[in-house]
Amino acid sequence: MATIADELTSLLAQLPQRDQERVLDFARALAHPPDFPHTPLPEGSPPDALLRIRVDPEVGEAMEKAMEECERIWPDE
């Protein structure tokens, strides 16, 4: 059974030079992800910030439904 590196080498050899360079750029980006600066939270503790949010009841219901649907696992998909 071939290792991942062996399989990648074999597949890369089949690609044109331009696509090989794209794969290399992608691998470099994965290996060295950019550092994102720390973003401080707004004043007050997170629960306090959430308590200040006001939305239409319809919007709140739609948000609640969306969150419930996100928690479901669809085995056929």
PDB file of N, CA and C in Angstrom:
ATOM      1  N   MET A   1       0.846  -1.179   0.000  1.00  0.00           N
ATOM      2  CA  MET A   1       0.000   0.000   0.000  1.00  0.00           C
ATOM      3  C   MET A   1       0.896   1.248   0.000  1.00  0.00           C
ATOM      4  N   ALA A   2       0.594   2.160  -0.896  1.00  0.00           N
ATOM      5  CA  ALA A   2       1.404   3.367  -1.041  1.00  0.00           C
ATOM      6  C   ALA A   2       1.122   4.351   0.088  1.00  0.00           C
ATOM      7  N   THR A   3       2.143   5.083   0.455  1.00  0.00           N
ATOM      8  CA  THR A   3       1.953   6.131   1.452  1.00  0.00           C
ATOM      9  C   THR A   3       1.274   7.327   0.784  1.00  0.00           C
ATOM     10  N   ILE A   4       0.810   8.241   1.598  1.00  0.00           N
ATOM     11  CA  ILE A   4       0.180   9.448   1.066  1.00  0.00           C
ATOM     12  C   ILE A   4       1.182  10.217   0.210  1.00  0.00           C
ATOM     13  N   ALA A   5       2.392  10.341   0.692  1.00  0.00           N
ATOM     14  CA  ALA A   5       3.419  11.068  -0.062  1.00  0.00           C
ATOM     15  C   ALA A   5       3.680  10.399  -1.410  1.00  0.00           C
ATOM     16  N   ASP A   6       3.727   9.065  -1.422  1.00  0.00           N
ATOM     17  CA  ASP A   6       3.944   8.347  -2.686  1.00  0.00           C
ATOM     18  C   ASP A   6       2.790   8.576  -3.655  1.00  0.00           C
ATOM     19  N   GLU A   7       1.566   8.510  -3.150  1.00  0.00           N
ATOM     20  CA  GLU A   7       0.404   8.718  -4.011  1.00  0.00           C
ATOM     21  C   GLU A   7       0.360  10.148  -4.549  1.00  0.00           C
ATOM     22  N   LEU A   8       0.664  11.117  -3.679  1.00  0.00           N
ATOM     23  CA  LEU A   8       0.700  12.506  -4.143  1.00  0.00           C
ATOM     24  C   LEU A   8       1.761  12.710  -5.214  1.00  0.00           C
ATOM     25  N   THR A   9       2.930  12.127  -5.014  1.00  0.00           N
ATOM     26  CA  THR A   9       4.009  12.251  -5.995  1.00  0.00           C
ATOM     27  C   THR A   9       3.577  11.676  -7.337  1.00  0.00           C
ATOM     28  N   SER A  10       2.917  10.526  -7.294  1.00  0.00           N
ATOM     29  CA  SER A  10       2.447   9.891  -8.520  1.00  0.00           C
ATOM     30  C   SER A  10       1.396  10.744  -9.225  1.00  0.00           C
ATOM     31  N   LEU A  11       0.473  11.269  -8.470  1.00  0.00           N
ATOM     32  CA  LEU A  11      -0.582  12.097  -9.054  1.00  0.00           C
ATOM     33  C   LEU A  11      -0.032  13.415  -9.588  1.00  0.00           C
ATOM     34  N   LEU A  12       0.880  14.025  -8.845  1.00  0.00           N
ATOM     35  CA  LEU A  12       1.484  15.277  -9.301  1.00  0.00           C
ATOM     36  C   LEU A  12       2.222  15.099 -10.628  1.00  0.00           C
ATOM     37  N   ALA A  13       2.870  13.965 -10.792  1.00  0.00           N
ATOM     38  CA  ALA A  13       3.622  13.707 -12.017  1.00  0.00           C
ATOM     39  C   ALA A  13       2.702  13.669 -13.243  1.00  0.00           C
ATOM     40  N   GLN A  14       1.428  13.369 -13.026  1.00  0.00           N
ATOM     41  CA  GLN A  14       0.473  13.297 -14.137  1.00  0.00           C
ATOM     42  C   GLN A  14      -0.097  14.661 -14.519  1.00  0.00           C
ATOM     43  N   LEU A  15       0.112  15.652 -13.665  1.00  0.00           N
ATOM     44  CA  LEU A  15      -0.463  16.977 -13.905  1.00  0.00           C
ATOM     45  C   LEU A  15       0.471  17.855 -14.723  1.00  0.00           C
ATOM     46  N   PRO A  16      -0.115  18.794 -15.469  1.00  0.00           N
ATOM     47  CA  PRO A  16       0.733  19.777 -16.158  1.00  0.00           C
ATOM     48  C   PRO A  16       1.460  20.660 -15.145  1.00  0.00           C
ATOM     49  N   GLN A  17       2.538  21.275 -15.574  1.00  0.00           N
ATOM     50  CA  GLN A  17       3.368  22.108 -14.699  1.00  0.00           C
ATOM     51  C   GLN A  17       2.536  23.157 -13.955  1.00  0.00           C
ATOM     52  N   ARG A  18       1.627  23.819 -14.657  1.00  0.00           N
ATOM     53  CA  ARG A  18       0.809  24.883 -14.055  1.00  0.00           C
ATOM     54  C   ARG A  18      -0.018  24.344 -12.887  1.00  0.00           C
ATOM     55  N   ASP A  19      -0.625  23.158 -13.077  1.00  0.00           N
ATOM     56  CA  ASP A  19      -1.422  22.566 -12.006  1.00  0.00           C
ATOM     57  C   ASP A  19      -0.540  22.071 -10.855  1.00  0.00           C
ATOM     58  N   GLN A  20       0.646  21.591 -11.173  1.00  0.00           N
ATOM     59  CA  GLN A  20       1.580  21.182 -10.118  1.00  0.00           C
ATOM     60  C   GLN A  20       1.907  22.377  -9.220  1.00  0.00           C
ATOM     61  N   GLU A  21       2.123  23.531  -9.846  1.00  0.00           N
ATOM     62  CA  GLU A  21       2.427  24.738  -9.073  1.00  0.00           C
ATOM     63  C   GLU A  21       1.237  25.156  -8.212  1.00  0.00           C
ATOM     64  N   ARG A  22       0.027  24.997  -8.727  1.00  0.00           N
ATOM     65  CA  ARG A  22      -1.174  25.321  -7.934  1.00  0.00           C
ATOM     66  C   ARG A  22      -1.275  24.414  -6.709  1.00  0.00           C
ATOM     67  N   VAL A  23      -1.011  23.110  -6.902  1.00  0.00           N
ATOM     68  CA  VAL A  23      -1.050  22.163  -5.785  1.00  0.00           C
ATOM     69  C   VAL A  23       0.025  22.518  -4.766  1.00  0.00           C
ATOM     70  N   LEU A  24       1.196  22.869  -5.238  1.00  0.00           N
ATOM     71  CA  LEU A  24       2.290  23.249  -4.341  1.00  0.00           C
ATOM     72  C   LEU A  24       1.923  24.495  -3.534  1.00  0.00           C
ATOM     73  N   ASP A  25       1.353  25.492  -4.209  1.00  0.00           N
ATOM     74  CA  ASP A  25       0.926  26.703  -3.497  1.00  0.00           C
ATOM     75  C   ASP A  25      -0.121  26.373  -2.427  1.00  0.00           C
ATOM     76  N   PHE A  26      -1.058  25.498  -2.770  1.00  0.00           N
ATOM     77  CA  PHE A  26      -2.086  25.086  -1.825  1.00  0.00           C
ATOM     78  C   PHE A  26      -1.468  24.379  -0.616  1.00  0.00           C
ATOM     79  N   ALA A  27      -0.542  23.458  -0.873  1.00  0.00           N
ATOM     80  CA  ALA A  27       0.114  22.729   0.218  1.00  0.00           C
ATOM     81  C   ALA A  27       0.912  23.676   1.112  1.00  0.00           C
ATOM     82  N   ARG A  28       1.575  24.645   0.513  1.00  0.00           N
ATOM     83  CA  ARG A  28       2.319  25.636   1.309  1.00  0.00           C
ATOM     84  C   ARG A  28       1.372  26.440   2.201  1.00  0.00           C
ATOM     85  N   ALA A  29       0.222  26.825   1.639  1.00  0.00           N
ATOM     86  CA  ALA A  29      -0.748  27.590   2.428  1.00  0.00           C
ATOM     87  C   ALA A  29      -1.290  26.763   3.593  1.00  0.00           C
ATOM     88  N   LEU A  30      -1.501  25.478   3.375  1.00  0.00           N
ATOM     89  CA  LEU A  30      -1.965  24.611   4.464  1.00  0.00           C
ATOM     90  C   LEU A  30      -0.889  24.427   5.532  1.00  0.00           C
ATOM     91  N   ALA A  31       0.348  24.306   5.089  1.00  0.00           N
ATOM     92  CA  ALA A  31       1.454  24.070   6.021  1.00  0.00           C
ATOM     93  C   ALA A  31       1.782  25.304   6.850  1.00  0.00           C
ATOM     94  N   HIS A  32       1.528  26.485   6.292  1.00  0.00           N
ATOM     95  CA  HIS A  32       1.865  27.728   6.986  1.00  0.00           C
ATOM     96  C   HIS A  32       0.673  28.686   6.950  1.00  0.00           C
ATOM     97  N   PRO A  33      -0.370  28.370   7.732  1.00  0.00           N
ATOM     98  CA  PRO A  33      -1.547  29.252   7.709  1.00  0.00           C
ATOM     99  C   PRO A  33      -1.200  30.635   8.258  1.00  0.00           C
ATOM    100  N   PRO A  34      -1.889  31.659   7.778  1.00  0.00           N
ATOM    101  CA  PRO A  34      -1.597  33.019   8.258  1.00  0.00           C
ATOM    102  C   PRO A  34      -2.035  33.183   9.714  1.00  0.00           C
ATOM    103  N   ASP A  35      -1.315  34.021  10.418  1.00  0.00           N
ATOM    104  CA  ASP A  35      -1.701  34.347  11.785  1.00  0.00           C
ATOM    105  C   ASP A  35      -2.764  35.432  11.739  1.00  0.00           C
ATOM    106  N   PHE A  36      -3.839  35.222  12.459  1.00  0.00           N
ATOM    107  CA  PHE A  36      -4.886  36.225  12.523  1.00  0.00           C
ATOM    108  C   PHE A  36      -4.729  37.005  13.821  1.00  0.00           C
ATOM    109  N   PRO A  37      -4.841  38.314  13.748  1.00  0.00           N
ATOM    110  CA  PRO A  37      -4.683  39.098  14.977  1.00  0.00           C
ATOM    111  C   PRO A  37      -5.820  38.811  15.951  1.00  0.00           C
ATOM    112  N   HIS A  38      -5.507  38.935  17.214  1.00  0.00           N
ATOM    113  CA  HIS A  38      -6.509  38.731  18.252  1.00  0.00           C
ATOM    114  C   HIS A  38      -7.522  39.869  18.201  1.00  0.00           C
ATOM    115  N   THR A  39      -8.789  39.523  18.162  1.00  0.00           N
ATOM    116  CA  THR A  39      -9.848  40.517  18.164  1.00  0.00           C
ATOM    117  C   THR A  39     -10.500  40.514  19.542  1.00  0.00           C
ATOM    118  N   PRO A  40     -10.371  41.602  20.280  1.00  0.00           N
ATOM    119  CA  PRO A  40     -10.958  41.614  21.621  1.00  0.00           C
ATOM    120  C   PRO A  40     -12.481  41.600  21.557  1.00  0.00           C
ATOM    121  N   LEU A  41     -13.092  41.022  22.569  1.00  0.00           N
ATOM    122  CA  LEU A  41     -14.547  41.009  22.675  1.00  0.00           C
ATOM    123  C   LEU A  41     -15.050  42.408  23.008  1.00  0.00           C
ATOM    124  N   PRO A  42     -16.296  42.697  22.668  1.00  0.00           N
ATOM    125  CA  PRO A  42     -16.838  44.002  23.054  1.00  0.00           C
ATOM    126  C   PRO A  42     -16.918  44.108  24.572  1.00  0.00           C
ATOM    127  N   GLU A  43     -17.055  45.320  25.055  1.00  0.00           N
ATOM    128  CA  GLU A  43     -17.117  45.525  26.501  1.00  0.00           C
ATOM    129  C   GLU A  43     -18.239  44.703  27.107  1.00  0.00           C
ATOM    130  N   GLY A  44     -18.005  44.259  28.326  1.00  0.00           N
ATOM    131  CA  GLY A  44     -18.987  43.423  29.005  1.00  0.00           C
ATOM    132  C   GLY A  44     -18.690  41.967  28.720  1.00  0.00           C
ATOM    133  N   SER A  45     -19.232  41.101  29.533  1.00  0.00           N
ATOM    134  CA  SER A  45     -19.007  39.675  29.320  1.00  0.00           C
ATOM    135  C   SER A  45     -19.900  39.207  28.172  1.00  0.00           C
ATOM    136  N   PRO A  46     -19.502  38.130  27.492  1.00  0.00           N
ATOM    137  CA  PRO A  46     -20.302  37.645  26.371  1.00  0.00           C
ATOM    138  C   PRO A  46     -21.792  37.444  26.695  1.00  0.00           C
ATOM    139  N   PRO A  47     -22.160  36.897  27.852  1.00  0.00           N
ATOM    140  CA  PRO A  47     -23.601  36.764  28.120  1.00  0.00           C
ATOM    141  C   PRO A  47     -24.301  38.126  28.157  1.00  0.00           C
ATOM    142  N   ASP A  48     -23.632  39.144  28.693  1.00  0.00           N
ATOM    143  CA  ASP A  48     -24.241  40.466  28.727  1.00  0.00           C
ATOM    144  C   ASP A  48     -24.464  40.999  27.318  1.00  0.00           C
ATOM    145  N   ALA A  49     -23.492  40.769  26.436  1.00  0.00           N
ATOM    146  CA  ALA A  49     -23.621  41.244  25.066  1.00  0.00           C
ATOM    147  C   ALA A  49     -24.797  40.556  24.376  1.00  0.00           C
ATOM    148  N   LEU A  50     -24.966  39.263  24.623  1.00  0.00           N
ATOM    149  CA  LEU A  50     -26.078  38.533  24.003  1.00  0.00           C
ATOM    150  C   LEU A  50     -27.431  39.002  24.516  1.00  0.00           C
ATOM    151  N   LEU A  51     -27.488  39.376  25.782  1.00  0.00           N
ATOM    152  CA  LEU A  51     -28.755  39.828  26.344  1.00  0.00           C
ATOM    153  C   LEU A  51     -29.215  41.153  25.750  1.00  0.00           C
ATOM    154  N   ARG A  52     -28.300  41.924  25.201  1.00  0.00           N
ATOM    155  CA  ARG A  52     -28.651  43.223  24.627  1.00  0.00           C
ATOM    156  C   ARG A  52     -29.140  43.136  23.183  1.00  0.00           C
ATOM    157  N   ILE A  53     -29.018  41.973  22.560  1.00  0.00           N
ATOM    158  CA  ILE A  53     -29.435  41.829  21.167  1.00  0.00           C
ATOM    159  C   ILE A  53     -30.955  41.769  21.107  1.00  0.00           C
ATOM    160  N   ARG A  54     -31.520  42.546  20.197  1.00  0.00           N
ATOM    161  CA  ARG A  54     -32.968  42.561  20.006  1.00  0.00           C
ATOM    162  C   ARG A  54     -33.274  42.308  18.537  1.00  0.00           C
ATOM    163  N   VAL A  55     -34.175  41.357  18.261  1.00  0.00           N
ATOM    164  CA  VAL A  55     -34.592  41.067  16.891  1.00  0.00           C
ATOM    165  C   VAL A  55     -36.097  40.856  16.869  1.00  0.00           C
ATOM    166  N   ASP A  56     -36.678  40.960  15.686  1.00  0.00           N
ATOM    167  CA  ASP A  56     -38.097  40.661  15.492  1.00  0.00           C
ATOM    168  C   ASP A  56     -38.382  39.235  15.947  1.00  0.00           C
ATOM    169  N   PRO A  57     -39.546  38.963  16.497  1.00  0.00           N
ATOM    170  CA  PRO A  57     -39.877  37.579  16.878  1.00  0.00           C
ATOM    171  C   PRO A  57     -39.760  36.607  15.695  1.00  0.00           C
ATOM    172  N   GLU A  58     -40.159  37.055  14.496  1.00  0.00           N
ATOM    173  CA  GLU A  58     -40.056  36.179  13.322  1.00  0.00           C
ATOM    174  C   GLU A  58     -38.606  35.832  13.022  1.00  0.00           C
ATOM    175  N   VAL A  59     -37.733  36.814  13.153  1.00  0.00           N
ATOM    176  CA  VAL A  59     -36.309  36.588  12.905  1.00  0.00           C
ATOM    177  C   VAL A  59     -35.760  35.630  13.954  1.00  0.00           C
ATOM    178  N   GLY A  60     -36.151  35.840  15.212  1.00  0.00           N
ATOM    179  CA  GLY A  60     -35.705  34.957  16.284  1.00  0.00           C
ATOM    180  C   GLY A  60     -36.136  33.515  16.044  1.00  0.00           C
ATOM    181  N   GLU A  61     -37.374  33.329  15.600  1.00  0.00           N
ATOM    182  CA  GLU A  61     -37.863  31.972  15.315  1.00  0.00           C
ATOM    183  C   GLU A  61     -37.086  31.347  14.167  1.00  0.00           C
ATOM    184  N   ALA A  62     -36.805  32.147  13.131  1.00  0.00           N
ATOM    185  CA  ALA A  62     -36.038  31.633  11.994  1.00  0.00           C
ATOM    186  C   ALA A  62     -34.627  31.249  12.423  1.00  0.00           C
ATOM    187  N   MET A  63     -34.023  32.058  13.293  1.00  0.00           N
ATOM    188  CA  MET A  63     -32.680  31.751  13.791  1.00  0.00           C
ATOM    189  C   MET A  63     -32.698  30.468  14.618  1.00  0.00           C
ATOM    190  N   GLU A  64     -33.709  30.336  15.463  1.00  0.00           N
ATOM    191  CA  GLU A  64     -33.822  29.143  16.303  1.00  0.00           C
ATOM    192  C   GLU A  64     -33.987  27.891  15.440  1.00  0.00           C
ATOM    193  N   LYS A  65     -34.832  27.978  14.407  1.00  0.00           N
ATOM    194  CA  LYS A  65     -35.047  26.843  13.510  1.00  0.00           C
ATOM    195  C   LYS A  65     -33.746  26.485  12.782  1.00  0.00           C
ATOM    196  N   ALA A  66     -33.027  27.498  12.321  1.00  0.00           N
ATOM    197  CA  ALA A  66     -31.766  27.255  11.612  1.00  0.00           C
ATOM    198  C   ALA A  66     -30.756  26.563  12.517  1.00  0.00           C
ATOM    199  N   MET A  67     -30.694  26.987  13.779  1.00  0.00           N
ATOM    200  CA  MET A  67     -29.747  26.353  14.711  1.00  0.00           C
ATOM    201  C   MET A  67     -30.146  24.907  14.967  1.00  0.00           C
ATOM    202  N   GLU A  68     -31.433  24.634  15.086  1.00  0.00           N
ATOM    203  CA  GLU A  68     -31.880  23.258  15.299  1.00  0.00           C
ATOM    204  C   GLU A  68     -31.529  22.387  14.097  1.00  0.00           C
ATOM    205  N   GLU A  69     -31.703  22.924  12.893  1.00  0.00           N
ATOM    206  CA  GLU A  69     -31.395  22.158  11.691  1.00  0.00           C
ATOM    207  C   GLU A  69     -29.902  21.896  11.563  1.00  0.00           C
ATOM    208  N   CYS A  70     -29.080  22.822  12.037  1.00  0.00           N
ATOM    209  CA  CYS A  70     -27.628  22.639  11.973  1.00  0.00           C
ATOM    210  C   CYS A  70     -27.163  21.511  12.883  1.00  0.00           C
ATOM    211  N   GLU A  71     -27.925  21.221  13.913  1.00  0.00           N
ATOM    212  CA  GLU A  71     -27.539  20.187  14.863  1.00  0.00           C
ATOM    213  C   GLU A  71     -27.898  18.789  14.373  1.00  0.00           C
ATOM    214  N   ARG A  72     -28.726  18.711  13.338  1.00  0.00           N
ATOM    215  CA  ARG A  72     -29.155  17.416  12.828  1.00  0.00           C
ATOM    216  C   ARG A  72     -28.067  16.793  11.954  1.00  0.00           C
ATOM    217  N   ILE A  73     -28.036  15.486  11.958  1.00  0.00           N
ATOM    218  CA  ILE A  73     -27.119  14.751  11.092  1.00  0.00           C
ATOM    219  C   ILE A  73     -27.965  14.005  10.074  1.00  0.00           C
ATOM    220  N   TRP A  74     -27.679  14.236   8.814  1.00  0.00           N
ATOM    221  CA  TRP A  74     -28.417  13.575   7.739  1.00  0.00           C
ATOM    222  C   TRP A  74     -27.511  12.480   7.172  1.00  0.00           C
ATOM    223  N   PRO A  75     -27.743  11.228   7.536  1.00  0.00           N
ATOM    224  CA  PRO A  75     -26.828  10.155   7.122  1.00  0.00           C
ATOM    225  C   PRO A  75     -26.757   9.942   5.607  1.00  0.00           C
ATOM    226  N   ASP A  76     -27.786  10.331   4.862  1.00  0.00           N
ATOM    227  CA  ASP A  76     -27.784  10.118   3.419  1.00  0.00           C
ATOM    228  C   ASP A  76     -27.080  11.230   2.655  1.00  0.00           C
ATOM    229  N   GLU A  77     -26.670  12.279   3.330  1.00  0.00           N
ATOM    230  CA  GLU A  77     -26.036  13.422   2.646  1.00  0.00           C
ATOM    231  C   GLU A  77     -24.562  13.468   2.923  1.00  0.00           C
TER     232      GLU A  77
END
